[in-house]
Protein backbone atom coordinates (compact mmCIF):
# COMPACT_ATOMS: atom_id res chain seq x y z
CA MET A 1 -12.96 -13.22 -25.98
CA ASP A 2 -9.39 -13.19 -27.20
CA PHE A 3 -6.79 -14.14 -24.56
CA LEU A 4 -4.86 -10.86 -25.00
CA TYR A 5 -7.98 -8.82 -24.17
CA ILE A 6 -8.46 -10.83 -20.99
CA LYS A 7 -4.78 -10.35 -20.13
CA ALA A 8 -5.00 -6.59 -20.77
CA LEU A 9 -8.06 -6.29 -18.52
CA HIS A 10 -6.30 -8.30 -15.82
CA ILE A 11 -3.28 -5.97 -15.95
CA ILE A 12 -5.48 -2.85 -15.86
CA PHE A 13 -7.32 -4.04 -12.75
CA VAL A 14 -4.09 -5.15 -11.06
CA ILE A 15 -2.77 -1.61 -11.57
CA THR A 16 -5.92 0.02 -10.16
CA TRP A 17 -5.93 -2.47 -7.26
CA PHE A 18 -2.38 -1.53 -6.31
CA ALA A 19 -3.14 2.16 -6.78
CA GLY A 20 -6.00 1.79 -4.32
CA LEU A 21 -3.84 -0.12 -1.84
CA PHE A 22 -1.07 2.48 -2.01
CA TYR A 23 -3.43 5.43 -1.61
CA ILE A 24 -5.59 3.93 1.14
CA ILE A 25 -2.60 3.68 3.45
CA ARG A 26 -1.76 7.34 2.74
CA LEU A 27 -5.30 8.25 3.81
CA PHE A 28 -4.87 6.12 6.94
CA ILE A 29 -1.66 8.02 7.74
CA TYR A 30 -3.38 11.39 7.28
CA HIS A 31 -6.28 10.20 9.45
CA VAL A 32 -3.91 9.15 12.25
CA GLU A 33 -1.89 12.38 11.99
CA ALA A 34 -5.13 14.41 12.20
CA GLU A 35 -5.65 12.92 15.69
CA LYS A 36 -3.00 15.37 16.98
CA LYS A 37 -4.75 18.43 15.51
CA PRO A 38 -6.82 20.73 17.73
CA GLU A 39 -10.60 20.77 17.39
CA PRO A 40 -12.44 21.55 15.11
CA ALA A 41 -9.67 20.76 12.59
CA LYS A 42 -9.32 17.21 13.93
CA GLU A 43 -12.99 16.36 13.42
CA ILE A 44 -13.20 18.06 10.03
CA LEU A 45 -10.09 16.28 8.71
CA GLN A 46 -10.97 12.86 10.09
CA THR A 47 -14.51 13.09 8.72
CA GLN A 48 -13.10 13.96 5.30
CA TYR A 49 -10.51 11.15 5.42
CA LYS A 50 -13.21 8.65 6.38
CA LEU A 51 -15.31 9.70 3.39
CA MET A 52 -12.33 9.63 1.00
CA SER A 53 -11.25 6.23 2.33
CA LYS A 54 -14.75 4.79 2.00
CA ARG A 55 -15.07 5.93 -1.61
CA LEU A 56 -11.58 4.74 -2.54
CA TRP A 57 -12.01 1.39 -0.79
CA TYR A 58 -15.46 0.46 -2.09
CA ILE A 59 -15.50 2.17 -5.49
CA ILE A 60 -11.93 1.49 -6.68
CA THR A 61 -9.91 -0.90 -4.51
CA TRP A 62 -12.38 -3.72 -3.81
CA PRO A 63 -13.87 -3.79 -7.35
CA SER A 64 -10.34 -3.77 -8.81
CA ALA A 65 -9.28 -6.70 -6.58
CA ILE A 66 -12.36 -8.68 -7.60
CA LEU A 67 -12.00 -7.92 -11.32
CA ALA A 68 -8.24 -8.58 -11.35
CA SER A 69 -8.94 -11.97 -9.77
CA PHE A 70 -11.82 -12.70 -12.15
CA PHE A 71 -9.69 -12.04 -15.24
CA ALA A 72 -6.75 -13.97 -13.73
CA ILE A 73 -8.94 -17.02 -13.19
CA TRP A 74 -10.34 -16.64 -16.71
CA MET A 75 -6.78 -16.61 -18.11
CA LEU A 76 -5.90 -19.74 -16.14
CA VAL A 77 -9.04 -21.50 -17.35
CA LYS A 78 -8.24 -20.62 -20.97
CA ASN A 79 -4.55 -21.59 -20.53
CA PRO A 80 -4.25 -24.16 -17.73
CA TYR A 81 -0.67 -24.94 -18.78
CA TYR A 82 0.34 -21.82 -16.77
CA LEU A 83 -0.36 -23.85 -13.63
CA GLU A 84 2.33 -26.33 -14.66
CA MET A 85 5.02 -23.62 -14.59
CA PRO A 86 7.00 -23.36 -11.30
CA TRP A 87 7.25 -19.56 -11.49
CA MET A 88 3.44 -19.37 -11.54
CA HIS A 89 3.26 -21.25 -8.23
CA VAL A 90 5.62 -18.71 -6.67
CA LYS A 91 3.62 -15.85 -8.19
CA LEU A 92 0.37 -17.23 -6.83
CA THR A 93 1.99 -17.42 -3.38
CA PHE A 94 2.75 -13.68 -3.61
CA VAL A 95 -0.82 -13.07 -4.81
CA LEU A 96 -2.06 -14.93 -1.72
CA ALA A 97 0.18 -12.64 0.37
CA LEU A 98 -1.44 -9.69 -1.41
CA TYR A 99 -4.90 -10.93 -0.39
CA PHE A 100 -3.73 -11.15 3.23
CA TYR A 101 -2.35 -7.61 2.91
CA HIS A 102 -5.67 -6.43 1.45
CA TYR A 103 -7.55 -8.10 4.31
CA SER A 104 -5.33 -6.38 6.89
CA CYS A 105 -6.01 -3.04 5.20
CA GLN A 106 -9.73 -3.86 5.44
CA ARG A 107 -9.32 -4.34 9.21
CA ILE A 108 -7.47 -1.01 9.58
CA PHE A 109 -10.11 0.68 7.40
CA SER A 110 -12.93 -0.68 9.57
CA GLN A 111 -11.18 0.43 12.77
CA LEU A 112 -10.58 3.96 11.50
CA GLN A 113 -14.18 4.25 10.33
CA LYS A 114 -15.10 3.61 14.00
CA ASP A 115 -12.43 6.09 15.24
CA ILE A 116 -10.28 3.29 16.63
CA ILE A 117 -6.61 4.15 16.08
CA LYS A 118 -4.26 1.25 16.79
CA TYR A 119 -1.28 2.14 14.60
CA SER A 120 1.08 5.08 14.49
CA ALA A 121 1.74 7.00 11.29
CA LEU A 122 5.25 5.50 11.20
CA LYS A 123 3.93 1.93 11.43
CA LEU A 124 1.48 2.66 8.63
CA ARG A 125 4.29 4.11 6.48
CA ILE A 126 6.26 0.91 6.98
CA TRP A 127 3.15 -1.22 6.32
CA ASN A 128 2.66 0.68 3.04
CA GLU A 129 5.98 -0.70 1.79
CA VAL A 130 4.77 -4.30 2.09
CA ALA A 131 2.56 -3.75 -0.97
CA THR A 132 5.58 -2.31 -2.81
CA ILE A 133 7.61 -5.43 -2.07
CA ILE A 134 4.77 -7.71 -3.22
CA LEU A 135 4.39 -5.66 -6.41
CA PHE A 136 8.11 -5.94 -7.19
CA ALA A 137 8.05 -9.70 -6.60
CA ILE A 138 5.04 -10.30 -8.85
CA VAL A 139 6.29 -8.08 -11.69
CA PHE A 140 9.74 -9.70 -11.69
CA LEU A 141 8.25 -13.20 -11.58
CA VAL A 142 5.88 -12.51 -14.47
CA THR A 143 8.57 -10.77 -16.52
CA LEU A 144 11.39 -13.27 -15.94
CA GLN A 145 9.10 -16.33 -15.77
CA SER A 146 11.73 -18.24 -13.89
CA ALA A 147 11.34 -20.17 -10.67
CA ILE A 148 15.12 -20.13 -10.11
CA ASN A 149 15.80 -16.43 -10.76
CA TRP A 150 13.01 -15.47 -8.37
CA ILE A 151 15.35 -16.36 -5.49
CA TRP A 152 17.70 -13.55 -6.53
CA GLY A 153 14.65 -11.39 -6.98
CA VAL A 154 13.47 -12.12 -3.44
CA VAL A 155 16.95 -11.36 -2.06
CA GLY A 156 16.82 -8.10 -4.00
CA ILE A 157 13.32 -7.38 -2.70
CA ILE A 158 14.44 -7.97 0.89
CA LEU A 159 17.39 -5.62 0.38
CA PHE A 160 15.05 -3.12 -1.25
CA GLY A 161 12.72 -3.45 1.75
CA ILE A 162 15.58 -2.79 4.15
CA LEU A 163 16.54 0.30 2.15
CA LEU A 164 12.92 1.49 2.24
CA MET A 165 12.79 1.05 6.02
CA LEU A 166 16.04 2.96 6.44
CA GLY A 167 14.70 5.67 4.15
CA ILE A 168 11.50 5.94 6.21
CA ARG A 169 13.49 6.27 9.42
CA LEU A 170 15.73 8.93 7.85
CA TYR A 171 12.65 10.79 6.58
CA LYS A 172 11.15 10.69 10.09
CA LYS A 173 14.35 12.09 11.62
CA ILE A 174 14.48 14.88 9.04
CA ARG A 175 10.82 15.77 9.71
CA GLU A 176 11.41 15.79 13.46
CA LYS A 177 14.51 17.95 13.07
CA ARG A 178 12.66 20.42 10.85
CA SER A 179 9.73 20.66 13.26
CA TRP A 180 12.17 21.12 16.16
CA GLU A 181 14.05 23.87 14.28
CA LYS A 182 10.74 25.53 13.35
CA ALA A 183 9.54 25.45 16.97
CA GLU A 184 12.89 26.83 18.14
CA LYS A 185 12.73 29.64 15.56
CA GLU A 186 9.16 30.51 16.57
CA ALA A 187 10.20 30.60 20.25
CA LEU A 188 13.05 33.02 19.43
CA GLU A 189 10.67 35.24 17.44
CA ASP A 190 8.20 35.26 20.34
CA LYS A 191 10.97 36.37 22.71
CA LYS A 192 11.92 39.19 20.33
CA VAL A 193 8.31 40.39 20.14
CA LYS A 194 8.00 40.47 23.94
């Protein structure tokens, strides 16, 4: 098979792998937030999120991870000179970090399937940004193909991560303020009705 076809398939499965990783955390967040809902809504929502997570995880995310890795190894076998390039070593380190991230998502998935909730929605939102940082690092490394420029890229990624964390905290404060204002408004309306 032509090298470019292998490369195209690798890229496609990397994209679907990341899509699965991004969406699975959203489903985890919804599952955790459903814990605060009254019954029967809580049970209905959590049952649905378990089913959606299971389908996403085993039909899209895991197969994409396996196929992305398969085509990556195939590319390296066809062109072993890539392994002599310093930027590739750095990229493979980030890929290893991605596997650890995937494994941690597997642990969270397994816990939620058993109704074990160990993380808050906020912690999961922050955890979701780890995949974003890894994605940025890998794309910049592959595009720039430089082992030196990746240092500036990592500094940029860290700054980007800090901005994401600040954005998440701001978003949380805005949501809390809106829910507080809504509750206050409802309380005033209840007083007027009485």
